[in-house]
Amino acid sequence: MATDNWLVNSNRSEVRRFTENRASEDHLNKYVFVDSGKIVGVFGKEPSLLHRKKQFKLEEAREIWKRLILQGWRRTDEVWSK
């Protein structure tokens, strides 16, 4: 995951951003930040509100991604800037 990867839920009320943590000091494991946000207003017209950021090992982040896809989440474009 060299770039940000985004998912939005089916009713477009929540988003997730998956970003590789390149600053991690653990060189044996790769880590990914998963940011969660709430959509306010019209999707795509206003920035969403970031409300949580967690770090996961790469394998765990992949499992979260797969689980969200199975729940109906879909890829989307950037919703808020870094």
N, C-alpha and C. Protein backbone atom coordinates (compact mmCIF):
# COMPACT_ATOMS: atom_id res chain seq x y z
N MET A 1 0.84 -1.18 0.00
CA MET A 1 0.00 0.00 0.00
C MET A 1 0.89 1.25 0.00
N ALA A 2 1.39 1.59 -1.14
CA ALA A 2 2.27 2.75 -1.24
C ALA A 2 1.50 4.06 -1.18
N THR A 3 0.24 4.04 -1.57
CA THR A 3 -0.58 5.24 -1.56
C THR A 3 -1.77 5.01 -0.64
N ASP A 4 -2.55 6.05 -0.46
CA ASP A 4 -3.77 5.90 0.32
C ASP A 4 -4.78 5.09 -0.47
N ASN A 5 -5.48 4.23 0.23
CA ASN A 5 -6.57 3.46 -0.36
C ASN A 5 -7.80 3.72 0.48
N TRP A 6 -8.91 4.01 -0.19
CA TRP A 6 -10.12 4.46 0.46
C TRP A 6 -11.28 3.51 0.25
N LEU A 7 -12.12 3.38 1.29
CA LEU A 7 -13.38 2.65 1.20
C LEU A 7 -14.49 3.53 1.76
N VAL A 8 -15.68 3.39 1.19
CA VAL A 8 -16.87 4.07 1.69
C VAL A 8 -17.95 3.02 1.89
N ASN A 9 -18.77 3.18 2.95
CA ASN A 9 -19.82 2.19 3.19
C ASN A 9 -20.98 2.39 2.22
N SER A 10 -21.89 1.43 2.20
CA SER A 10 -22.95 1.42 1.17
C SER A 10 -23.90 2.60 1.26
N ASN A 11 -24.13 3.16 2.44
CA ASN A 11 -25.03 4.31 2.54
C ASN A 11 -24.26 5.64 2.57
N ARG A 12 -22.95 5.57 2.29
CA ARG A 12 -22.08 6.74 2.17
C ARG A 12 -22.11 7.64 3.41
N SER A 13 -22.08 7.01 4.58
CA SER A 13 -22.03 7.76 5.83
C SER A 13 -20.69 7.65 6.54
N GLU A 14 -19.87 6.66 6.13
CA GLU A 14 -18.56 6.46 6.75
C GLU A 14 -17.51 6.14 5.70
N VAL A 15 -16.26 6.52 5.99
CA VAL A 15 -15.13 6.20 5.12
C VAL A 15 -13.99 5.63 5.95
N ARG A 16 -13.12 4.90 5.27
CA ARG A 16 -11.88 4.39 5.87
C ARG A 16 -10.75 4.71 4.91
N ARG A 17 -9.62 5.14 5.47
CA ARG A 17 -8.42 5.37 4.67
C ARG A 17 -7.33 4.43 5.20
N PHE A 18 -6.71 3.69 4.30
CA PHE A 18 -5.63 2.77 4.63
C PHE A 18 -4.33 3.36 4.09
N THR A 19 -3.36 3.60 4.98
CA THR A 19 -2.10 4.23 4.59
C THR A 19 -0.94 3.48 5.23
N GLU A 20 0.05 3.12 4.44
CA GLU A 20 1.24 2.45 4.97
C GLU A 20 1.97 3.38 5.92
N ASN A 21 2.39 2.86 7.07
CA ASN A 21 3.19 3.63 8.03
C ASN A 21 4.66 3.44 7.67
N ARG A 22 5.20 4.36 6.92
CA ARG A 22 6.59 4.26 6.49
C ARG A 22 7.57 4.67 7.59
N ALA A 23 7.08 5.31 8.65
CA ALA A 23 7.94 5.78 9.72
C ALA A 23 8.11 4.75 10.84
N SER A 24 7.52 3.60 10.70
CA SER A 24 7.61 2.58 11.73
C SER A 24 9.06 2.16 11.94
N GLU A 25 9.44 2.02 13.20
CA GLU A 25 10.80 1.60 13.53
C GLU A 25 10.95 0.08 13.55
N ASP A 26 9.85 -0.63 13.44
CA ASP A 26 9.87 -2.09 13.39
C ASP A 26 10.12 -2.50 11.94
N HIS A 27 11.34 -2.91 11.66
CA HIS A 27 11.71 -3.22 10.27
C HIS A 27 11.36 -4.65 9.88
N LEU A 28 10.89 -5.44 10.83
CA LEU A 28 10.50 -6.82 10.54
C LEU A 28 9.03 -6.92 10.11
N ASN A 29 8.23 -5.96 10.54
CA ASN A 29 6.80 -5.96 10.23
C ASN A 29 6.41 -4.65 9.58
N LYS A 30 5.48 -4.73 8.64
CA LYS A 30 4.93 -3.52 8.03
C LYS A 30 3.63 -3.19 8.76
N TYR A 31 3.38 -1.88 8.91
CA TYR A 31 2.18 -1.43 9.59
C TYR A 31 1.39 -0.49 8.69
N VAL A 32 0.08 -0.49 8.92
CA VAL A 32 -0.84 0.34 8.14
C VAL A 32 -1.71 1.13 9.11
N PHE A 33 -1.86 2.43 8.84
CA PHE A 33 -2.82 3.24 9.58
C PHE A 33 -4.19 3.07 8.93
N VAL A 34 -5.20 2.89 9.75
CA VAL A 34 -6.58 2.85 9.26
C VAL A 34 -7.29 4.01 9.93
N ASP A 35 -7.62 5.02 9.13
CA ASP A 35 -8.34 6.19 9.61
C ASP A 35 -9.82 6.00 9.33
N SER A 36 -10.65 6.37 10.29
CA SER A 36 -12.10 6.27 10.14
C SER A 36 -12.70 7.66 10.18
N GLY A 37 -13.69 7.89 9.35
CA GLY A 37 -14.33 9.19 9.31
C GLY A 37 -15.81 9.09 9.05
N LYS A 38 -16.51 10.13 9.45
CA LYS A 38 -17.95 10.26 9.22
C LYS A 38 -18.17 11.27 8.11
N ILE A 39 -19.08 10.96 7.21
CA ILE A 39 -19.45 11.88 6.13
C ILE A 39 -20.45 12.89 6.70
N VAL A 40 -20.17 14.16 6.45
CA VAL A 40 -21.10 15.22 6.85
C VAL A 40 -21.55 15.94 5.58
N GLY A 41 -22.80 16.30 5.54
CA GLY A 41 -23.30 16.98 4.35
C GLY A 41 -23.40 16.03 3.17
N VAL A 42 -23.18 16.57 1.97
CA VAL A 42 -23.28 15.80 0.73
C VAL A 42 -21.93 15.14 0.46
N PHE A 43 -21.94 13.82 0.22
CA PHE A 43 -20.71 13.08 -0.04
C PHE A 43 -19.94 13.70 -1.20
N GLY A 44 -18.67 14.00 -0.97
CA GLY A 44 -17.82 14.56 -2.00
C GLY A 44 -17.83 16.07 -2.08
N LYS A 45 -18.80 16.70 -1.46
CA LYS A 45 -18.88 18.17 -1.52
C LYS A 45 -18.21 18.81 -0.31
N GLU A 46 -18.24 18.11 0.83
CA GLU A 46 -17.64 18.61 2.06
C GLU A 46 -16.70 17.54 2.60
N PRO A 47 -15.61 17.96 3.28
CA PRO A 47 -14.71 16.95 3.85
C PRO A 47 -15.38 16.17 4.97
N SER A 48 -15.02 14.91 5.09
CA SER A 48 -15.56 14.11 6.18
C SER A 48 -14.79 14.44 7.46
N LEU A 49 -15.34 14.04 8.58
CA LEU A 49 -14.72 14.28 9.87
C LEU A 49 -13.92 13.05 10.30
N LEU A 50 -12.62 13.22 10.44
CA LEU A 50 -11.76 12.14 10.93
C LEU A 50 -12.05 11.96 12.42
N HIS A 51 -12.40 10.74 12.82
CA HIS A 51 -12.69 10.55 14.23
C HIS A 51 -11.87 9.45 14.89
N ARG A 52 -11.11 8.69 14.11
CA ARG A 52 -10.29 7.64 14.74
C ARG A 52 -9.16 7.24 13.80
N LYS A 53 -7.99 7.01 14.40
CA LYS A 53 -6.83 6.52 13.64
C LYS A 53 -6.19 5.41 14.46
N LYS A 54 -6.06 4.24 13.84
CA LYS A 54 -5.44 3.10 14.50
C LYS A 54 -4.38 2.51 13.59
N GLN A 55 -3.41 1.86 14.20
CA GLN A 55 -2.35 1.22 13.45
C GLN A 55 -2.49 -0.30 13.58
N PHE A 56 -2.33 -1.00 12.45
CA PHE A 56 -2.44 -2.45 12.43
C PHE A 56 -1.26 -3.03 11.65
N LYS A 57 -0.90 -4.28 11.96
CA LYS A 57 0.05 -4.97 11.13
C LYS A 57 -0.58 -5.14 9.75
N LEU A 58 0.26 -5.21 8.71
CA LEU A 58 -0.21 -5.28 7.34
C LEU A 58 -1.23 -6.40 7.14
N GLU A 59 -0.96 -7.58 7.66
CA GLU A 59 -1.85 -8.71 7.47
C GLU A 59 -3.22 -8.44 8.09
N GLU A 60 -3.23 -7.83 9.27
CA GLU A 60 -4.50 -7.52 9.93
C GLU A 60 -5.28 -6.46 9.15
N ALA A 61 -4.56 -5.45 8.63
CA ALA A 61 -5.21 -4.41 7.82
C ALA A 61 -5.83 -5.01 6.57
N ARG A 62 -5.16 -5.98 5.97
CA ARG A 62 -5.73 -6.65 4.79
C ARG A 62 -7.01 -7.40 5.14
N GLU A 63 -7.03 -8.02 6.32
CA GLU A 63 -8.24 -8.74 6.76
C GLU A 63 -9.38 -7.76 7.01
N ILE A 64 -9.08 -6.61 7.59
CA ILE A 64 -10.10 -5.57 7.80
C ILE A 64 -10.66 -5.12 6.46
N TRP A 65 -9.78 -4.88 5.49
CA TRP A 65 -10.20 -4.46 4.14
C TRP A 65 -11.15 -5.50 3.53
N LYS A 66 -10.74 -6.77 3.58
CA LYS A 66 -11.57 -7.84 3.01
C LYS A 66 -12.92 -7.93 3.70
N ARG A 67 -12.93 -7.81 5.03
CA ARG A 67 -14.18 -7.89 5.78
C ARG A 67 -15.12 -6.75 5.40
N LEU A 68 -14.57 -5.53 5.26
CA LEU A 68 -15.40 -4.38 4.87
C LEU A 68 -15.97 -4.57 3.46
N ILE A 69 -15.17 -5.07 2.55
CA ILE A 69 -15.65 -5.33 1.18
C ILE A 69 -16.82 -6.33 1.22
N LEU A 70 -16.69 -7.38 2.02
CA LEU A 70 -17.77 -8.36 2.14
C LEU A 70 -19.03 -7.75 2.74
N GLN A 71 -18.88 -6.68 3.54
CA GLN A 71 -20.02 -6.01 4.15
C GLN A 71 -20.64 -4.96 3.22
N GLY A 72 -20.11 -4.82 2.02
CA GLY A 72 -20.70 -3.89 1.06
C GLY A 72 -19.95 -2.58 0.87
N TRP A 73 -18.82 -2.41 1.53
CA TRP A 73 -18.02 -1.20 1.33
C TRP A 73 -17.40 -1.26 -0.06
N ARG A 74 -17.16 -0.07 -0.65
CA ARG A 74 -16.59 0.03 -1.99
C ARG A 74 -15.44 1.03 -2.01
N ARG A 75 -14.54 0.83 -2.97
CA ARG A 75 -13.44 1.79 -3.16
C ARG A 75 -14.00 3.15 -3.52
N THR A 76 -13.30 4.19 -3.11
CA THR A 76 -13.71 5.55 -3.46
C THR A 76 -12.47 6.42 -3.60
N ASP A 77 -12.67 7.61 -4.11
CA ASP A 77 -11.57 8.57 -4.23
C ASP A 77 -11.29 9.21 -2.87
N GLU A 78 -10.21 9.98 -2.81
CA GLU A 78 -9.82 10.66 -1.58
C GLU A 78 -10.97 11.52 -1.04
N VAL A 79 -11.19 11.42 0.26
CA VAL A 79 -12.28 12.15 0.89
C VAL A 79 -11.76 13.31 1.74
N TRP A 80 -10.57 13.15 2.33
CA TRP A 80 -9.94 14.27 3.03
C TRP A 80 -8.44 14.20 2.78
N SER A 81 -7.79 15.33 2.84
CA SER A 81 -6.35 15.40 2.59
C SER A 81 -5.57 15.02 3.82
N LYS A 82 -4.32 14.66 3.62
CA LYS A 82 -3.45 14.29 4.74
C LYS A 82 -3.18 15.48 5.62
